[in-house]
Amino acid sequence: MSNVLFDTNIYLYHYRKYPDAVAAINTALNEGAVILLSVIQISELLSTTAVDRDDAMRTDMETYISLVHRIIDVSEGIARKAAEIRRVWKTRTGKNLKLPDALIAATAVHHAAVLIGNNDKDFAPLRELIGLDYRNPISSQAELRQFLS
């Protein structure tokens, strides 16, 4: 059984019923994956202002949180890995990686989890830089943009 951590955007696309996101989550569940969620993602899922005015969305975000197999706190090991990721990223790109993204990637690496998301700009280079097992289930960015508009 493998560990899987979905980036927050996959949950948000799943909420909107985007087929690739629905398929990614269903596949992981059907294959018996252990679904992990970083505490950082709880904040991300509940930060959208829509949860204040849309009870169905708040309920669904809370459901995503409650249905994961393990919620992962930011431990010292994860914090140190995130710092390393940000240093390596800055050295290689000259740019800063957002702390939440570094913490999510560090959580995946620390727990030997596959990170499934739609953030190739930030996560794809981390395959080579730190050995992140990152996969993007979105087959067409153009179709996703059209679906979300």
C-alpha atoms as a PDB file:
ATOM      1  CA  MET A   1       0.000   0.000   0.000  1.00  0.00           C
ATOM      2  CA  SER A   2       1.539   3.324  -1.039  1.00  0.00           C
ATOM      3  CA  ASN A   3       1.241   6.714   0.591  1.00  0.00           C
ATOM      4  CA  VAL A   4      -0.372   9.445  -1.505  1.00  0.00           C
ATOM      5  CA  LEU A   5      -0.595  13.145  -0.772  1.00  0.00           C
ATOM      6  CA  PHE A   6      -2.879  15.163  -3.041  1.00  0.00           C
ATOM      7  CA  ASP A   7      -1.964  18.808  -3.475  1.00  0.00           C
ATOM      8  CA  THR A   8      -4.765  21.136  -2.423  1.00  0.00           C
ATOM      9  CA  ASN A   9      -5.613  22.028  -6.022  1.00  0.00           C
ATOM     10  CA  ILE A  10      -6.655  18.427  -6.725  1.00  0.00           C
ATOM     11  CA  TYR A  11      -9.218  18.588  -3.913  1.00  0.00           C
ATOM     12  CA  LEU A  12     -10.519  21.881  -5.284  1.00  0.00           C
ATOM     13  CA  TYR A  13     -10.798  20.440  -8.815  1.00  0.00           C
ATOM     14  CA  HIS A  14     -12.469  17.331  -7.377  1.00  0.00           C
ATOM     15  CA  TYR A  15     -14.984  19.570  -5.608  1.00  0.00           C
ATOM     16  CA  ARG A  16     -15.759  21.136  -8.994  1.00  0.00           C
ATOM     17  CA  LYS A  17     -16.012  17.567 -10.388  1.00  0.00           C
ATOM     18  CA  TYR A  18     -13.202  17.933 -12.921  1.00  0.00           C
ATOM     19  CA  PRO A  19     -12.898  14.403 -14.408  1.00  0.00           C
ATOM     20  CA  ASP A  20      -9.097  14.066 -14.154  1.00  0.00           C
ATOM     21  CA  ALA A  21      -9.146  15.021 -10.454  1.00  0.00           C
ATOM     22  CA  VAL A  22     -12.072  12.714  -9.729  1.00  0.00           C
ATOM     23  CA  ALA A  23     -10.257   9.870 -11.501  1.00  0.00           C
ATOM     24  CA  ALA A  24      -6.993  10.535  -9.623  1.00  0.00           C
ATOM     25  CA  ILE A  25      -8.638  10.357  -6.216  1.00  0.00           C
ATOM     26  CA  ASN A  26     -10.789   7.371  -7.142  1.00  0.00           C
ATOM     27  CA  THR A  27      -7.791   5.478  -8.534  1.00  0.00           C
ATOM     28  CA  ALA A  28      -5.760   6.059  -5.376  1.00  0.00           C
ATOM     29  CA  LEU A  29      -8.634   4.908  -3.182  1.00  0.00           C
ATOM     30  CA  ASN A  30      -9.358   1.857  -5.354  1.00  0.00           C
ATOM     31  CA  GLU A  31      -5.690   0.862  -5.236  1.00  0.00           C
ATOM     32  CA  GLY A  32      -5.732   1.009  -1.439  1.00  0.00           C
ATOM     33  CA  ALA A  33      -3.417   3.981  -1.105  1.00  0.00           C
ATOM     34  CA  VAL A  34      -2.980   5.587   2.287  1.00  0.00           C
ATOM     35  CA  ILE A  35      -4.130   9.174   1.795  1.00  0.00           C
ATOM     36  CA  LEU A  36      -2.090  11.739   3.715  1.00  0.00           C
ATOM     37  CA  LEU A  37      -2.935  15.392   4.316  1.00  0.00           C
ATOM     38  CA  SER A  38      -0.585  18.018   5.687  1.00  0.00           C
ATOM     39  CA  VAL A  39      -1.948  20.335   8.361  1.00  0.00           C
ATOM     40  CA  ILE A  40      -0.893  23.117   5.985  1.00  0.00           C
ATOM     41  CA  GLN A  41      -3.540  21.885   3.557  1.00  0.00           C
ATOM     42  CA  ILE A  42      -6.271  22.133   6.170  1.00  0.00           C
ATOM     43  CA  SER A  43      -5.564  25.846   6.254  1.00  0.00           C
ATOM     44  CA  GLU A  44      -5.509  26.009   2.452  1.00  0.00           C
ATOM     45  CA  LEU A  45      -8.793  24.102   2.077  1.00  0.00           C
ATOM     46  CA  LEU A  46     -10.573  26.289   4.602  1.00  0.00           C
ATOM     47  CA  SER A  47      -9.020  29.624   3.544  1.00  0.00           C
ATOM     48  CA  THR A  48     -11.187  30.232   0.525  1.00  0.00           C
ATOM     49  CA  THR A  49     -13.793  32.873   1.349  1.00  0.00           C
ATOM     50  CA  ALA A  50     -16.406  30.736  -0.400  1.00  0.00           C
ATOM     51  CA  VAL A  51     -16.591  28.476   2.674  1.00  0.00           C
ATOM     52  CA  ASP A  52     -18.174  31.376   4.557  1.00  0.00           C
ATOM     53  CA  ARG A  53     -21.022  31.811   2.103  1.00  0.00           C
ATOM     54  CA  ASP A  54     -21.399  28.300   0.668  1.00  0.00           C
ATOM     55  CA  ASP A  55     -22.376  25.679   3.239  1.00  0.00           C
ATOM     56  CA  ALA A  56     -22.028  22.857   0.719  1.00  0.00           C
ATOM     57  CA  MET A  57     -18.444  23.861  -0.023  1.00  0.00           C
ATOM     58  CA  ARG A  58     -17.563  24.100   3.673  1.00  0.00           C
ATOM     59  CA  THR A  59     -19.092  20.667   4.245  1.00  0.00           C
ATOM     60  CA  ASP A  60     -17.164  19.176   1.324  1.00  0.00           C
ATOM     61  CA  MET A  61     -13.851  20.729   2.442  1.00  0.00           C
ATOM     62  CA  GLU A  62     -14.432  19.357   5.958  1.00  0.00           C
ATOM     63  CA  THR A  63     -15.287  15.975   4.409  1.00  0.00           C
ATOM     64  CA  TYR A  64     -12.000  15.898   2.485  1.00  0.00           C
ATOM     65  CA  ILE A  65     -10.198  16.593   5.754  1.00  0.00           C
ATOM     66  CA  SER A  66     -12.088  13.951   7.715  1.00  0.00           C
ATOM     67  CA  LEU A  67     -11.753  11.192   5.124  1.00  0.00           C
ATOM     68  CA  VAL A  68      -7.971  11.135   4.793  1.00  0.00           C
ATOM     69  CA  HIS A  69      -6.170   8.279   6.473  1.00  0.00           C
ATOM     70  CA  ARG A  70      -3.564  10.428   8.231  1.00  0.00           C
ATOM     71  CA  ILE A  71      -3.200  14.120   8.958  1.00  0.00           C
ATOM     72  CA  ILE A  72       0.477  14.963   9.158  1.00  0.00           C
ATOM     73  CA  ASP A  73       1.750  17.672  11.501  1.00  0.00           C
ATOM     74  CA  VAL A  74       4.787  19.711  10.566  1.00  0.00           C
ATOM     75  CA  SER A  75       7.508  17.947  12.519  1.00  0.00           C
ATOM     76  CA  GLU A  76      11.049  19.152  12.957  1.00  0.00           C
ATOM     77  CA  GLY A  77      12.150  16.725  10.234  1.00  0.00           C
ATOM     78  CA  ILE A  78       9.578  18.096   7.785  1.00  0.00           C
ATOM     79  CA  ALA A  79      10.480  21.686   8.666  1.00  0.00           C
ATOM     80  CA  ARG A  80      14.168  20.973   8.083  1.00  0.00           C
ATOM     81  CA  LYS A  81      13.432  19.239   4.768  1.00  0.00           C
ATOM     82  CA  ALA A  82      11.286  22.205   3.677  1.00  0.00           C
ATOM     83  CA  ALA A  83      14.155  24.561   4.516  1.00  0.00           C
ATOM     84  CA  GLU A  84      16.531  22.408   2.461  1.00  0.00           C
ATOM     85  CA  ILE A  85      14.076  22.380  -0.440  1.00  0.00           C
ATOM     86  CA  ARG A  86      13.783  26.171  -0.350  1.00  0.00           C
ATOM     87  CA  ARG A  87      17.585  26.588  -0.255  1.00  0.00           C
ATOM     88  CA  VAL A  88      18.128  24.205  -3.163  1.00  0.00           C
ATOM     89  CA  TRP A  89      15.298  25.853  -5.121  1.00  0.00           C
ATOM     90  CA  LYS A  90      16.735  29.359  -4.538  1.00  0.00           C
ATOM     91  CA  THR A  91      20.239  28.199  -5.513  1.00  0.00           C
ATOM     92  CA  ARG A  92      19.041  26.517  -8.718  1.00  0.00           C
ATOM     93  CA  THR A  93      16.403  29.019  -9.859  1.00  0.00           C
ATOM     94  CA  GLY A  94      17.262  32.293  -8.157  1.00  0.00           C
ATOM     95  CA  LYS A  95      13.638  32.456  -6.991  1.00  0.00           C
ATOM     96  CA  ASN A  96      11.857  31.691  -3.750  1.00  0.00           C
ATOM     97  CA  LEU A  97       9.588  28.673  -3.395  1.00  0.00           C
ATOM     98  CA  LYS A  98       6.499  29.433  -1.316  1.00  0.00           C
ATOM     99  CA  LEU A  99       6.742  27.963   2.154  1.00  0.00           C
ATOM    100  CA  PRO A 100       3.417  26.039   1.931  1.00  0.00           C
ATOM    101  CA  ASP A 101       4.574  24.326  -1.276  1.00  0.00           C
ATOM    102  CA  ALA A 102       7.939  23.482   0.295  1.00  0.00           C
ATOM    103  CA  LEU A 103       6.192  22.053   3.375  1.00  0.00           C
ATOM    104  CA  ILE A 104       3.829  19.949   1.254  1.00  0.00           C
ATOM    105  CA  ALA A 105       6.730  18.611  -0.833  1.00  0.00           C
ATOM    106  CA  ALA A 106       8.749  17.950   2.333  1.00  0.00           C
ATOM    107  CA  THR A 107       5.811  16.082   3.859  1.00  0.00           C
ATOM    108  CA  ALA A 108       5.578  13.877   0.777  1.00  0.00           C
ATOM    109  CA  VAL A 109       9.317  13.130   0.774  1.00  0.00           C
ATOM    110  CA  HIS A 110       9.453  12.567   4.548  1.00  0.00           C
ATOM    111  CA  HIS A 111       6.605  10.032   4.361  1.00  0.00           C
ATOM    112  CA  ALA A 112       7.691   8.411   1.067  1.00  0.00           C
ATOM    113  CA  ALA A 113       4.435   9.545  -0.520  1.00  0.00           C
ATOM    114  CA  VAL A 114       3.540  10.228  -4.113  1.00  0.00           C
ATOM    115  CA  LEU A 115       2.573  13.887  -4.436  1.00  0.00           C
ATOM    116  CA  ILE A 116      -0.293  14.248  -6.906  1.00  0.00           C
ATOM    117  CA  GLY A 117      -0.994  17.792  -7.980  1.00  0.00           C
ATOM    118  CA  ASN A 118      -1.229  20.326 -10.744  1.00  0.00           C
ATOM    119  CA  ASN A 119       1.735  22.535  -9.965  1.00  0.00           C
ATOM    120  CA  ASP A 120       4.397  21.519 -12.461  1.00  0.00           C
ATOM    121  CA  LYS A 121       6.147  24.887 -12.180  1.00  0.00           C
ATOM    122  CA  ASP A 122       7.051  24.254  -8.559  1.00  0.00           C
ATOM    123  CA  PHE A 123       6.882  20.497  -8.058  1.00  0.00           C
ATOM    124  CA  ALA A 124       8.187  18.952 -11.303  1.00  0.00           C
ATOM    125  CA  PRO A 125      11.757  20.296 -10.859  1.00  0.00           C
ATOM    126  CA  LEU A 126      11.803  18.808  -7.355  1.00  0.00           C
ATOM    127  CA  ARG A 127      11.821  15.319  -8.887  1.00  0.00           C
ATOM    128  CA  GLU A 128      15.441  15.789  -9.838  1.00  0.00           C
ATOM    129  CA  LEU A 129      16.444  18.235  -7.120  1.00  0.00           C
ATOM    130  CA  ILE A 130      15.250  16.241  -4.083  1.00  0.00           C
ATOM    131  CA  GLY A 131      13.801  12.988  -5.424  1.00  0.00           C
ATOM    132  CA  LEU A 132      10.150  13.996  -5.047  1.00  0.00           C
ATOM    133  CA  ASP A 133       7.746  11.466  -6.575  1.00  0.00           C
ATOM    134  CA  TYR A 134       5.432  14.021  -8.192  1.00  0.00           C
ATOM    135  CA  ARG A 135       2.683  13.202 -10.679  1.00  0.00           C
ATOM    136  CA  ASN A 136       0.230  15.473 -12.461  1.00  0.00           C
ATOM    137  CA  PRO A 137      -3.084  13.807 -13.375  1.00  0.00           C
ATOM    138  CA  ILE A 138      -4.364  16.756 -15.412  1.00  0.00           C
ATOM    139  CA  SER A 139      -4.174  15.702 -19.045  1.00  0.00           C
ATOM    140  CA  SER A 140      -4.876  19.124 -20.588  1.00  0.00           C
ATOM    141  CA  GLN A 141      -4.276  22.494 -18.959  1.00  0.00           C
ATOM    142  CA  ALA A 142      -6.338  24.173 -21.685  1.00  0.00           C
ATOM    143  CA  GLU A 143      -9.322  21.920 -20.971  1.00  0.00           C
ATOM    144  CA  LEU A 144      -8.959  22.541 -17.246  1.00  0.00           C
ATOM    145  CA  ARG A 145      -8.908  26.326 -17.751  1.00  0.00           C
ATOM    146  CA  GLN A 146     -12.008  26.094 -19.927  1.00  0.00           C
ATOM    147  CA  PHE A 147     -13.776  23.828 -17.403  1.00  0.00           C
ATOM    148  CA  LEU A 148     -13.034  26.198 -14.521  1.00  0.00           C
ATOM    149  CA  SER A 149     -14.128  29.343 -16.371  1.00  0.00           C
END
